[in-house]
Amino acid sequence: MNGYPLLDLFWTMFVFFMWVLWFMLLFRIIGDLFRDDTVSGWGKTGWVLLLILLPFIGVLIYLIARGKGMGEREMNRLHANEQAFRAYVRETADSGTADDLVKLAELKRQGDITAEEYEQVKAKILAGT
């Protein structure tokens, strides 16, 4: 146990953590690069080559040159996803499909309609007609 002192263990853990952190940052940069529609294909190719040939320097250059826009693009994407979700919920809640199905099930339970009629109307409601 004397061959690997505690300080070496901490140093190894630190280096491993920084390595994982760098890979996470690299994948985030590549994801941001390919989601950005303002960069041309040649621009994306250049950035990817820089990130492959000079990985540490390429990451630092990307963060310096495009770091602010990277955060803004992420916020805009999250905002657009939230708006789309809210619109979907509003549209689904306003459609009344669930209410119609509940009323239809109640009619069937009371015996006002037959099982065959229930299935026909249910199919029409789910089809949106």
Protein backbone atom coordinates (compact mmCIF):
# COMPACT_ATOMS: atom_id res chain seq x y z
CA MET A 1 0.00 0.00 0.00
CA ASN A 2 3.03 2.24 0.33
CA GLY A 3 3.58 2.37 -3.43
CA TYR A 4 0.72 4.81 -4.19
CA PRO A 5 0.52 7.70 -1.70
CA LEU A 6 -2.73 9.50 -0.95
CA LEU A 7 -1.65 12.65 -2.78
CA ASP A 8 -1.07 10.63 -5.95
CA LEU A 9 -4.55 9.18 -5.60
CA PHE A 10 -6.06 12.66 -5.35
CA TRP A 11 -4.01 13.83 -8.32
CA THR A 12 -5.16 10.84 -10.40
CA MET A 13 -8.80 11.51 -9.49
CA PHE A 14 -8.39 15.19 -10.41
CA VAL A 15 -6.84 14.36 -13.79
CA PHE A 16 -9.56 11.79 -14.54
CA PHE A 17 -12.29 14.28 -13.58
CA MET A 18 -10.79 16.98 -15.80
CA TRP A 19 -10.53 14.49 -18.69
CA VAL A 20 -14.22 13.56 -18.37
CA LEU A 21 -15.14 17.25 -18.06
CA TRP A 22 -13.19 18.06 -21.22
CA PHE A 23 -15.00 15.32 -23.18
CA MET A 24 -18.36 16.62 -21.98
CA LEU A 25 -17.40 20.10 -23.11
CA LEU A 26 -16.17 18.78 -26.46
CA PHE A 27 -19.46 16.95 -27.12
CA ARG A 28 -21.45 20.02 -26.09
CA ILE A 29 -19.46 22.17 -28.52
CA ILE A 30 -19.92 19.70 -31.37
CA GLY A 31 -23.66 19.51 -30.64
CA ASP A 32 -23.93 23.30 -30.59
CA LEU A 33 -21.96 23.55 -33.80
CA PHE A 34 -24.20 21.15 -35.72
CA ARG A 35 -27.44 22.68 -34.36
CA ASP A 36 -26.40 26.19 -35.41
CA ASP A 37 -27.95 27.00 -38.80
CA THR A 38 -25.96 30.21 -39.23
CA VAL A 39 -22.66 28.35 -39.77
CA SER A 40 -22.08 27.03 -43.28
CA GLY A 41 -21.00 23.50 -44.05
CA TRP A 42 -17.45 24.66 -44.67
CA GLY A 43 -17.45 26.55 -41.38
CA LYS A 44 -18.59 23.45 -39.54
CA THR A 45 -15.94 21.40 -41.31
CA GLY A 46 -13.26 23.89 -40.30
CA TRP A 47 -14.34 23.89 -36.67
CA VAL A 48 -14.46 20.09 -36.53
CA LEU A 49 -10.98 19.83 -38.09
CA LEU A 50 -9.67 22.35 -35.56
CA LEU A 51 -11.28 20.39 -32.73
CA ILE A 52 -9.75 17.13 -34.00
CA LEU A 53 -6.27 18.40 -34.87
CA LEU A 54 -5.80 20.77 -31.91
CA PRO A 55 -8.35 19.56 -29.37
CA PHE A 56 -7.53 21.66 -26.31
CA ILE A 57 -6.73 24.82 -28.20
CA GLY A 58 -9.73 24.28 -30.50
CA VAL A 59 -12.11 24.03 -27.54
CA LEU A 60 -10.68 27.17 -25.99
CA ILE A 61 -10.87 29.10 -29.27
CA TYR A 62 -14.48 27.97 -29.81
CA LEU A 63 -15.46 29.05 -26.31
CA ILE A 64 -13.80 32.43 -26.73
CA ALA A 65 -15.19 33.06 -30.21
CA ARG A 66 -18.68 31.59 -29.88
CA GLY A 67 -19.26 31.00 -26.16
CA LYS A 68 -21.80 33.79 -25.63
CA GLY A 69 -23.83 32.75 -28.67
CA MET A 70 -23.66 29.14 -27.48
CA GLY A 71 -25.58 30.04 -24.32
CA GLU A 72 -28.07 32.20 -26.21
CA ARG A 73 -28.77 29.44 -28.74
CA GLU A 74 -29.34 26.95 -25.92
CA MET A 75 -31.76 29.32 -24.17
CA ASN A 76 -33.64 30.00 -27.42
CA ARG A 77 -33.92 26.27 -28.10
CA LEU A 78 -35.23 25.59 -24.58
CA HIS A 79 -37.70 28.47 -24.87
CA ALA A 80 -38.97 27.19 -28.23
CA ASN A 81 -39.38 23.67 -26.82
CA GLU A 82 -41.32 25.04 -23.84
CA GLN A 83 -43.58 27.11 -26.10
CA ALA A 84 -44.25 24.09 -28.32
CA PHE A 85 -45.10 21.97 -25.29
CA ARG A 86 -47.46 24.61 -23.91
CA ALA A 87 -49.16 24.97 -27.29
CA TYR A 88 -49.60 21.20 -27.49
CA VAL A 89 -51.10 21.06 -23.99
CA ARG A 90 -53.45 23.95 -24.77
CA GLU A 91 -54.52 22.33 -28.04
CA THR A 92 -55.09 18.96 -26.42
CA ALA A 93 -56.98 20.39 -23.47
CA ASP A 94 -59.20 22.50 -25.73
CA SER A 95 -60.06 19.66 -28.07
CA GLY A 96 -62.61 18.22 -25.63
CA THR A 97 -61.80 14.67 -26.71
CA ALA A 98 -61.39 13.45 -23.14
CA ASP A 99 -64.69 15.02 -22.07
CA ASP A 100 -66.49 13.49 -25.03
CA LEU A 101 -65.10 10.05 -24.20
CA VAL A 102 -66.17 10.38 -20.56
CA LYS A 103 -69.70 11.36 -21.61
CA LEU A 104 -69.81 8.51 -24.10
CA ALA A 105 -68.69 5.98 -21.47
CA GLU A 106 -71.37 7.28 -19.12
CA LEU A 107 -74.04 6.82 -21.81
CA LYS A 108 -72.87 3.25 -22.36
CA ARG A 109 -72.83 2.55 -18.62
CA GLN A 110 -76.41 3.83 -18.23
CA GLY A 111 -77.52 1.63 -21.12
CA ASP A 112 -78.57 4.51 -23.38
CA ILE A 113 -76.36 3.21 -26.20
CA THR A 114 -75.23 -0.28 -27.17
CA ALA A 115 -71.64 -1.51 -27.15
CA GLU A 116 -71.59 -1.40 -30.96
CA GLU A 117 -72.80 2.23 -31.00
CA TYR A 118 -70.24 3.06 -28.31
CA GLU A 119 -67.38 1.66 -30.40
CA GLN A 120 -68.55 3.49 -33.56
CA VAL A 121 -68.85 6.89 -31.83
CA LYS A 122 -65.60 6.34 -29.94
CA ALA A 123 -63.78 5.67 -33.22
CA LYS A 124 -65.22 8.91 -34.68
CA ILE A 125 -64.19 10.94 -31.62
CA LEU A 126 -60.65 9.55 -31.66
CA ALA A 127 -60.39 10.19 -35.40
CA GLY A 128 -61.30 13.82 -34.75
CA THR A 129 -64.50 13.91 -36.79
